[in-house]
């Protein structure tokens, strides 16, 4: 990743309390809406048996973009903080 490290899709799923397949779909939708190529964010991940699993790695900006879409309180706090800085 070119920017500061954020979270991978499995960490986001755990943090947000959402199934990983739902988070994968949400990430793909977000990246496409932002005119970004989802395949650029795929990360190599294997389970205990060596089977390849789909997982995305997002930088901090994309992680926050996705998470604030899940959590209105987080989004509100960020907006209030930006307002304070203005």
PDB file of N, CA and C in Angstrom:
ATOM      1  N   UNK A   1       0.847  -1.189   0.000  1.00  0.00           N
ATOM      2  CA  UNK A   1       0.000   0.000   0.000  1.00  0.00           C
ATOM      3  C   UNK A   1       0.884   1.241   0.000  1.00  0.00           C
ATOM      4  N   UNK A   2       0.413   2.238  -0.696  1.00  0.00           N
ATOM      5  CA  UNK A   2       1.215   3.444  -0.823  1.00  0.00           C
ATOM      6  C   UNK A   2       1.037   4.399   0.357  1.00  0.00           C
ATOM      7  N   UNK A   3      -0.083   4.322   1.030  1.00  0.00           N
ATOM      8  CA  UNK A   3      -0.331   5.219   2.157  1.00  0.00           C
ATOM      9  C   UNK A   3      -0.157   4.449   3.461  1.00  0.00           C
ATOM     10  N   UNK A   4      -0.412   5.124   4.561  1.00  0.00           N
ATOM     11  CA  UNK A   4      -0.331   4.462   5.864  1.00  0.00           C
ATOM     12  C   UNK A   4      -1.242   3.239   5.888  1.00  0.00           C
ATOM     13  N   UNK A   5      -0.753   2.209   6.533  1.00  0.00           N
ATOM     14  CA  UNK A   5      -1.505   0.961   6.613  1.00  0.00           C
ATOM     15  C   UNK A   5      -2.811   1.160   7.363  1.00  0.00           C
ATOM     16  N   UNK A   6      -3.838   0.561   6.842  1.00  0.00           N
ATOM     17  CA  UNK A   6      -5.142   0.581   7.490  1.00  0.00           C
ATOM     18  C   UNK A   6      -5.456  -0.801   8.026  1.00  0.00           C
ATOM     19  N   UNK A   7      -6.505  -1.403   7.510  1.00  0.00           N
ATOM     20  CA  UNK A   7      -6.934  -2.724   7.958  1.00  0.00           C
ATOM     21  C   UNK A   7      -7.202  -3.603   6.753  1.00  0.00           C
ATOM     22  N   UNK A   8      -7.171  -4.906   6.974  1.00  0.00           N
ATOM     23  CA  UNK A   8      -7.579  -5.802   5.906  1.00  0.00           C
ATOM     24  C   UNK A   8      -9.062  -6.129   6.085  1.00  0.00           C
ATOM     25  N   UNK A   9      -9.641  -6.750   5.077  1.00  0.00           N
ATOM     26  CA  UNK A   9     -11.088  -6.988   5.080  1.00  0.00           C
ATOM     27  C   UNK A   9     -11.528  -7.896   6.227  1.00  0.00           C
ATOM     28  N   UNK A  10     -10.691  -8.816   6.648  1.00  0.00           N
ATOM     29  CA  UNK A  10     -11.059  -9.686   7.779  1.00  0.00           C
ATOM     30  C   UNK A  10     -11.085  -8.895   9.096  1.00  0.00           C
ATOM     31  N   UNK A  11     -10.124  -8.003   9.275  1.00  0.00           N
ATOM     32  CA  UNK A  11     -10.113  -7.158  10.472  1.00  0.00           C
ATOM     33  C   UNK A  11     -11.333  -6.234  10.483  1.00  0.00           C
ATOM     34  N   UNK A  12     -11.660  -5.683   9.317  1.00  0.00           N
ATOM     35  CA  UNK A  12     -12.828  -4.806   9.223  1.00  0.00           C
ATOM     36  C   UNK A  12     -14.098  -5.572   9.562  1.00  0.00           C
ATOM     37  N   UNK A  13     -14.230  -6.785   9.026  1.00  0.00           N
ATOM     38  CA  UNK A  13     -15.413  -7.606   9.307  1.00  0.00           C
ATOM     39  C   UNK A  13     -15.548  -7.859  10.803  1.00  0.00           C
ATOM     40  N   UNK A  14     -14.439  -8.189  11.446  1.00  0.00           N
ATOM     41  CA  UNK A  14     -14.465  -8.444  12.888  1.00  0.00           C
ATOM     42  C   UNK A  14     -14.831  -7.176  13.658  1.00  0.00           C
ATOM     43  N   UNK A  15     -14.207  -6.065  13.302  1.00  0.00           N
ATOM     44  CA  UNK A  15     -14.456  -4.794  13.995  1.00  0.00           C
ATOM     45  C   UNK A  15     -15.903  -4.322  13.814  1.00  0.00           C
ATOM     46  N   UNK A  16     -16.413  -4.483  12.590  1.00  0.00           N
ATOM     47  CA  UNK A  16     -17.759  -3.991  12.277  1.00  0.00           C
ATOM     48  C   UNK A  16     -18.853  -4.992  12.637  1.00  0.00           C
ATOM     49  N   UNK A  17     -18.466  -6.215  12.993  1.00  0.00           N
ATOM     50  CA  UNK A  17     -19.465  -7.229  13.328  1.00  0.00           C
ATOM     51  C   UNK A  17     -20.270  -7.665  12.112  1.00  0.00           C
ATOM     52  N   UNK A  18     -19.613  -7.722  10.964  1.00  0.00           N
ATOM     53  CA  UNK A  18     -20.269  -8.111   9.721  1.00  0.00           C
ATOM     54  C   UNK A  18     -19.602  -9.351   9.157  1.00  0.00           C
ATOM     55  N   UNK A  19     -20.352 -10.180   8.414  1.00  0.00           N
ATOM     56  CA  UNK A  19     -19.728 -11.333   7.756  1.00  0.00           C
ATOM     57  C   UNK A  19     -18.689 -10.869   6.732  1.00  0.00           C
ATOM     58  N   UNK A  20     -17.602 -11.624   6.595  1.00  0.00           N
ATOM     59  CA  UNK A  20     -16.525 -11.238   5.697  1.00  0.00           C
ATOM     60  C   UNK A  20     -17.009 -11.097   4.259  1.00  0.00           C
ATOM     61  N   UNK A  21     -17.911 -11.969   3.810  1.00  0.00           N
ATOM     62  CA  UNK A  21     -18.379 -11.865   2.428  1.00  0.00           C
ATOM     63  C   UNK A  21     -19.135 -10.569   2.179  1.00  0.00           C
ATOM     64  N   UNK A  22     -19.823 -10.071   3.184  1.00  0.00           N
ATOM     65  CA  UNK A  22     -20.529  -8.787   3.063  1.00  0.00           C
ATOM     66  C   UNK A  22     -19.508  -7.653   2.963  1.00  0.00           C
ATOM     67  N   UNK A  23     -18.467  -7.707   3.790  1.00  0.00           N
ATOM     68  CA  UNK A  23     -17.419  -6.680   3.763  1.00  0.00           C
ATOM     69  C   UNK A  23     -16.691  -6.706   2.419  1.00  0.00           C
ATOM     70  N   UNK A  24     -16.413  -7.900   1.889  1.00  0.00           N
ATOM     71  CA  UNK A  24     -15.781  -7.992   0.568  1.00  0.00           C
ATOM     72  C   UNK A  24     -16.623  -7.273  -0.480  1.00  0.00           C
ATOM     73  N   UNK A  25     -17.913  -7.534  -0.492  1.00  0.00           N
ATOM     74  CA  UNK A  25     -18.806  -6.896  -1.462  1.00  0.00           C
ATOM     75  C   UNK A  25     -18.839  -5.386  -1.257  1.00  0.00           C
ATOM     76  N   UNK A  26     -18.871  -4.942   0.003  1.00  0.00           N
ATOM     77  CA  UNK A  26     -18.891  -3.508   0.295  1.00  0.00           C
ATOM     78  C   UNK A  26     -17.598  -2.832  -0.168  1.00  0.00           C
ATOM     79  N   UNK A  27     -16.472  -3.500   0.044  1.00  0.00           N
ATOM     80  CA  UNK A  27     -15.184  -2.944  -0.393  1.00  0.00           C
ATOM     81  C   UNK A  27     -15.147  -2.841  -1.908  1.00  0.00           C
ATOM     82  N   UNK A  28     -15.563  -3.885  -2.591  1.00  0.00           N
ATOM     83  CA  UNK A  28     -15.564  -3.865  -4.054  1.00  0.00           C
ATOM     84  C   UNK A  28     -16.439  -2.731  -4.579  1.00  0.00           C
ATOM     85  N   UNK A  29     -17.619  -2.584  -3.998  1.00  0.00           N
ATOM     86  CA  UNK A  29     -18.537  -1.504  -4.409  1.00  0.00           C
ATOM     87  C   UNK A  29     -17.896  -0.141  -4.164  1.00  0.00           C
ATOM     88  N   UNK A  30     -17.315   0.055  -2.985  1.00  0.00           N
ATOM     89  CA  UNK A  30     -16.679   1.326  -2.644  1.00  0.00           C
ATOM     90  C   UNK A  30     -15.539   1.642  -3.607  1.00  0.00           C
ATOM     91  N   UNK A  31     -14.671   0.665  -3.860  1.00  0.00           N
ATOM     92  CA  UNK A  31     -13.526   0.901  -4.726  1.00  0.00           C
ATOM     93  C   UNK A  31     -13.972   1.265  -6.140  1.00  0.00           C
ATOM     94  N   UNK A  32     -14.963   0.574  -6.648  1.00  0.00           N
ATOM     95  CA  UNK A  32     -15.483   0.876  -7.993  1.00  0.00           C
ATOM     96  C   UNK A  32     -16.086   2.274  -8.027  1.00  0.00           C
ATOM     97  N   UNK A  33     -16.851   2.637  -6.992  1.00  0.00           N
ATOM     98  CA  UNK A  33     -17.434   3.987  -6.932  1.00  0.00           C
ATOM     99  C   UNK A  33     -16.355   5.063  -6.875  1.00  0.00           C
ATOM    100  N   UNK A  34     -15.196   4.729  -6.315  1.00  0.00           N
ATOM    101  CA  UNK A  34     -14.076   5.665  -6.225  1.00  0.00           C
ATOM    102  C   UNK A  34     -13.158   5.580  -7.449  1.00  0.00           C
ATOM    103  N   UNK A  35     -13.584   4.828  -8.456  1.00  0.00           N
ATOM    104  CA  UNK A  35     -12.805   4.613  -9.695  1.00  0.00           C
ATOM    105  C   UNK A  35     -11.447   3.980  -9.420  1.00  0.00           C
ATOM    106  N   UNK A  36     -11.421   3.076  -8.457  1.00  0.00           N
ATOM    107  CA  UNK A  36     -10.215   2.323  -8.126  1.00  0.00           C
ATOM    108  C   UNK A  36     -10.425   0.871  -8.532  1.00  0.00           C
ATOM    109  N   UNK A  37      -9.345   0.191  -8.870  1.00  0.00           N
ATOM    110  CA  UNK A  37      -9.413  -1.195  -9.304  1.00  0.00           C
ATOM    111  C   UNK A  37      -9.321  -2.118  -8.087  1.00  0.00           C
ATOM    112  N   UNK A  38     -10.383  -2.870  -7.775  1.00  0.00           N
ATOM    113  CA  UNK A  38     -10.333  -3.757  -6.607  1.00  0.00           C
ATOM    114  C   UNK A  38      -9.163  -4.726  -6.614  1.00  0.00           C
ATOM    115  N   UNK A  39      -8.750  -5.195  -7.779  1.00  0.00           N
ATOM    116  CA  UNK A  39      -7.646  -6.159  -7.819  1.00  0.00           C
ATOM    117  C   UNK A  39      -6.330  -5.550  -7.318  1.00  0.00           C
ATOM    118  N   UNK A  40      -6.209  -4.228  -7.348  1.00  0.00           N
ATOM    119  CA  UNK A  40      -5.012  -3.567  -6.819  1.00  0.00           C
ATOM    120  C   UNK A  40      -4.908  -3.690  -5.297  1.00  0.00           C
ATOM    121  N   UNK A  41      -6.002  -4.057  -4.644  1.00  0.00           N
ATOM    122  CA  UNK A  41      -6.046  -4.114  -3.184  1.00  0.00           C
ATOM    123  C   UNK A  41      -6.126  -5.540  -2.648  1.00  0.00           C
ATOM    124  N   UNK A  42      -6.126  -6.531  -3.570  1.00  0.00           N
ATOM    125  CA  UNK A  42      -6.141  -7.921  -3.128  1.00  0.00           C
ATOM    126  C   UNK A  42      -4.849  -8.245  -2.402  1.00  0.00           C
ATOM    127  N   UNK A  43      -4.970  -9.026  -1.358  1.00  0.00           N
ATOM    128  CA  UNK A  43      -3.830  -9.403  -0.533  1.00  0.00           C
ATOM    129  C   UNK A  43      -3.770 -10.928  -0.470  1.00  0.00           C
ATOM    130  N   UNK A  44      -2.589 -11.490  -0.543  1.00  0.00           N
ATOM    131  CA  UNK A  44      -2.428 -12.932  -0.450  1.00  0.00           C
ATOM    132  C   UNK A  44      -2.733 -13.387   0.973  1.00  0.00           C
ATOM    133  N   UNK A  45      -3.662 -14.314   1.085  1.00  0.00           N
ATOM    134  CA  UNK A  45      -4.054 -14.823   2.398  1.00  0.00           C
ATOM    135  C   UNK A  45      -4.341 -16.316   2.250  1.00  0.00           C
ATOM    136  N   UNK A  46      -3.821 -17.109   3.158  1.00  0.00           N
ATOM    137  CA  UNK A  46      -4.054 -18.551   3.132  1.00  0.00           C
ATOM    138  C   UNK A  46      -4.585 -19.007   4.485  1.00  0.00           C
ATOM    139  N   UNK A  47      -5.469 -20.006   4.456  1.00  0.00           N
ATOM    140  CA  UNK A  47      -5.967 -20.558   5.711  1.00  0.00           C
ATOM    141  C   UNK A  47      -4.955 -21.571   6.251  1.00  0.00           C
ATOM    142  N   UNK A  48      -5.293 -22.239   7.336  1.00  0.00           N
ATOM    143  CA  UNK A  48      -4.376 -23.169   7.994  1.00  0.00           C
ATOM    144  C   UNK A  48      -3.981 -24.340   7.099  1.00  0.00           C
ATOM    145  N   UNK A  49      -4.821 -24.657   6.110  1.00  0.00           N
ATOM    146  CA  UNK A  49      -4.530 -25.781   5.210  1.00  0.00           C
ATOM    147  C   UNK A  49      -3.764 -25.339   3.967  1.00  0.00           C
ATOM    148  N   UNK A  50      -3.523 -24.035   3.823  1.00  0.00           N
ATOM    149  CA  UNK A  50      -2.820 -23.520   2.659  1.00  0.00           C
ATOM    150  C   UNK A  50      -3.737 -23.080   1.534  1.00  0.00           C
ATOM    151  N   UNK A  51      -5.034 -23.175   1.744  1.00  0.00           N
ATOM    152  CA  UNK A  51      -6.009 -22.748   0.744  1.00  0.00           C
ATOM    153  C   UNK A  51      -6.014 -21.225   0.639  1.00  0.00           C
ATOM    154  N   UNK A  52      -5.953 -20.702  -0.592  1.00  0.00           N
ATOM    155  CA  UNK A  52      -5.983 -19.250  -0.802  1.00  0.00           C
ATOM    156  C   UNK A  52      -7.368 -18.699  -0.502  1.00  0.00           C
ATOM    157  N   UNK A  53      -7.401 -17.606   0.237  1.00  0.00           N
ATOM    158  CA  UNK A  53      -8.645 -16.937   0.597  1.00  0.00           C
ATOM    159  C   UNK A  53      -8.624 -15.512   0.065  1.00  0.00           C
ATOM    160  N   UNK A  54      -9.779 -15.021  -0.339  1.00  0.00           N
ATOM    161  CA  UNK A  54      -9.880 -13.646  -0.830  1.00  0.00           C
ATOM    162  C   UNK A  54      -9.849 -12.685   0.353  1.00  0.00           C
ATOM    163  N   UNK A  55      -9.026 -11.658   0.220  1.00  0.00           N
ATOM    164  CA  UNK A  55      -8.906 -10.645   1.270  1.00  0.00           C
ATOM    165  C   UNK A  55      -8.370  -9.375   0.634  1.00  0.00           C
ATOM    166  N   UNK A  56      -8.899  -8.248   1.071  1.00  0.00           N
ATOM    167  CA  UNK A  56      -8.412  -6.951   0.610  1.00  0.00           C
ATOM    168  C   UNK A  56      -7.613  -6.287   1.721  1.00  0.00           C
ATOM    169  N   UNK A  57      -6.602  -5.508   1.331  1.00  0.00           N
ATOM    170  CA  UNK A  57      -5.829  -4.688   2.267  1.00  0.00           C
ATOM    171  C   UNK A  57      -6.060  -3.234   1.880  1.00  0.00           C
ATOM    172  N   UNK A  58      -6.563  -2.453   2.819  1.00  0.00           N
ATOM    173  CA  UNK A  58      -6.875  -1.050   2.555  1.00  0.00           C
ATOM    174  C   UNK A  58      -5.943  -0.142   3.331  1.00  0.00           C
ATOM    175  N   UNK A  59      -5.620   1.016   2.744  1.00  0.00           N
ATOM    176  CA  UNK A  59      -4.852   2.011   3.491  1.00  0.00           C
ATOM    177  C   UNK A  59      -5.800   2.682   4.487  1.00  0.00           C
ATOM    178  N   UNK A  60      -5.260   3.556   5.288  1.00  0.00           N
ATOM    179  CA  UNK A  60      -6.058   4.166   6.358  1.00  0.00           C
ATOM    180  C   UNK A  60      -7.214   5.003   5.802  1.00  0.00           C
ATOM    181  N   UNK A  61      -7.013   5.699   4.686  1.00  0.00           N
ATOM    182  CA  UNK A  61      -8.081   6.527   4.118  1.00  0.00           C
ATOM    183  C   UNK A  61      -9.251   5.669   3.652  1.00  0.00           C
ATOM    184  N   UNK A  62      -8.951   4.572   2.969  1.00  0.00           N
ATOM    185  CA  UNK A  62     -10.023   3.697   2.498  1.00  0.00           C
ATOM    186  C   UNK A  62     -10.681   2.946   3.648  1.00  0.00           C
ATOM    187  N   UNK A  63      -9.890   2.570   4.650  1.00  0.00           N
ATOM    188  CA  UNK A  63     -10.453   1.915   5.832  1.00  0.00           C
ATOM    189  C   UNK A  63     -11.455   2.842   6.518  1.00  0.00           C
ATOM    190  N   UNK A  64     -11.065   4.092   6.726  1.00  0.00           N
ATOM    191  CA  UNK A  64     -11.963   5.052   7.383  1.00  0.00           C
ATOM    192  C   UNK A  64     -13.188   5.338   6.527  1.00  0.00           C
ATOM    193  N   UNK A  65     -13.012   5.404   5.208  1.00  0.00           N
ATOM    194  CA  UNK A  65     -14.147   5.629   4.318  1.00  0.00           C
ATOM    195  C   UNK A  65     -15.164   4.510   4.484  1.00  0.00           C
ATOM    196  N   UNK A  66     -14.698   3.280   4.474  1.00  0.00           N
ATOM    197  CA  UNK A  66     -15.612   2.153   4.622  1.00  0.00           C
ATOM    198  C   UNK A  66     -16.242   2.119   6.009  1.00  0.00           C
ATOM    199  N   UNK A  67     -15.429   2.238   7.053  1.00  0.00           N
ATOM    200  CA  UNK A  67     -15.948   2.139   8.417  1.00  0.00           C
ATOM    201  C   UNK A  67     -16.919   3.264   8.768  1.00  0.00           C
ATOM    202  N   UNK A  68     -16.675   4.469   8.277  1.00  0.00           N
ATOM    203  CA  UNK A  68     -17.606   5.554   8.591  1.00  0.00           C
ATOM    204  C   UNK A  68     -18.942   5.338   7.891  1.00  0.00           C
ATOM    205  N   UNK A  69     -18.940   4.598   6.795  1.00  0.00           N
ATOM    206  CA  UNK A  69     -20.200   4.232   6.152  1.00  0.00           C
ATOM    207  C   UNK A  69     -20.985   3.238   6.987  1.00  0.00           C
ATOM    208  N   UNK A  70     -20.301   2.466   7.818  1.00  0.00           N
ATOM    209  CA  UNK A  70     -20.944   1.497   8.703  1.00  0.00           C
ATOM    210  C   UNK A  70     -21.387   2.112  10.025  1.00  0.00           C
ATOM    211  N   UNK A  71     -20.726   3.185  10.442  1.00  0.00           N
ATOM    212  CA  UNK A  71     -20.924   3.698  11.797  1.00  0.00           C
ATOM    213  C   UNK A  71     -21.231   5.197  11.782  1.00  0.00           C
ATOM    214  N   UNK A  72     -22.510   5.562  11.863  1.00  0.00           N
ATOM    215  CA  UNK A  72     -22.870   6.982  11.835  1.00  0.00           C
ATOM    216  C   UNK A  72     -22.227   7.794  12.966  1.00  0.00           C
ATOM    217  N   UNK A  73     -22.000   7.194  14.127  1.00  0.00           N
ATOM    218  CA  UNK A  73     -21.384   7.927  15.236  1.00  0.00           C
ATOM    219  C   UNK A  73     -19.938   8.277  14.910  1.00  0.00           C
ATOM    220  N   UNK A  74     -19.218   7.359  14.264  1.00  0.00           N
ATOM    221  CA  UNK A  74     -17.841   7.632  13.876  1.00  0.00           C
ATOM    222  C   UNK A  74     -17.813   8.744  12.833  1.00  0.00           C
ATOM    223  N   UNK A  75     -18.696   8.663  11.863  1.00  0.00           N
ATOM    224  CA  UNK A  75     -18.771   9.693  10.826  1.00  0.00           C
ATOM    225  C   UNK A  75     -19.083  11.052  11.446  1.00  0.00           C
ATOM    226  N   UNK A  76     -20.029  11.100  12.358  1.00  0.00           N
ATOM    227  CA  UNK A  76     -20.403  12.354  13.019  1.00  0.00           C
ATOM    228  C   UNK A  76     -19.220  12.931  13.796  1.00  0.00           C
ATOM    229  N   UNK A  77     -18.489  12.075  14.509  1.00  0.00           N
ATOM    230  CA  UNK A  77     -17.331  12.539  15.282  1.00  0.00           C
ATOM    231  C   UNK A  77     -16.262  13.132  14.367  1.00  0.00           C
ATOM    232  N   UNK A  78     -16.036  12.510  13.233  1.00  0.00           N
ATOM    233  CA  UNK A  78     -15.046  13.020  12.281  1.00  0.00           C
ATOM    234  C   UNK A  78     -15.495  14.363  11.713  1.00  0.00           C
ATOM    235  N   UNK A  79     -16.764  14.461  11.348  1.00  0.00           N
ATOM    236  CA  UNK A  79     -17.288  15.722  10.811  1.00  0.00           C
ATOM    237  C   UNK A  79     -17.185  16.827  11.849  1.00  0.00           C
ATOM    238  N   UNK A  80     -17.527  16.543  13.097  1.00  0.00           N
ATOM    239  CA  UNK A  80     -17.424  17.546  14.171  1.00  0.00           C
ATOM    240  C   UNK A  80     -15.975  17.987  14.351  1.00  0.00           C
ATOM    241  N   UNK A  81     -15.040  17.048  14.297  1.00  0.00           N
ATOM    242  CA  UNK A  81     -13.626  17.387  14.484  1.00  0.00           C
ATOM    243  C   UNK A  81     -13.119  18.249  13.344  1.00  0.00           C
ATOM    244  N   UNK A  82     -13.500  17.934  12.133  1.00  0.00           N
ATOM    245  CA  UNK A  82     -13.106  18.748  10.982  1.00  0.00           C
ATOM    246  C   UNK A  82     -13.688  20.155  11.129  1.00  0.00           C
ATOM    247  N   UNK A  83     -14.920  20.250  11.603  1.00  0.00           N
ATOM    248  CA  UNK A  83     -15.554  21.553  11.818  1.00  0.00           C
ATOM    249  C   UNK A  83     -14.781  22.361  12.861  1.00  0.00           C
ATOM    250  N   UNK A  84     -14.322  21.692  13.920  1.00  0.00           N
ATOM    251  CA  UNK A  84     -13.537  22.365  14.962  1.00  0.00           C
ATOM    252  C   UNK A  84     -12.219  22.915  14.406  1.00  0.00           C
ATOM    253  N   UNK A  85     -11.648  22.223  13.444  1.00  0.00           N
ATOM    254  CA  UNK A  85     -10.371  22.635  12.866  1.00  0.00           C
ATOM    255  C   UNK A  85     -10.514  23.781  11.862  1.00  0.00           C
ATOM    256  N   UNK A  86     -11.729  24.027  11.419  1.00  0.00           N
ATOM    257  CA  UNK A  86     -11.964  25.067  10.397  1.00  0.00           C
ATOM    258  C   UNK A  86     -12.006  26.450  11.007  1.00  0.00           C
TER     259      UNK A  86
END
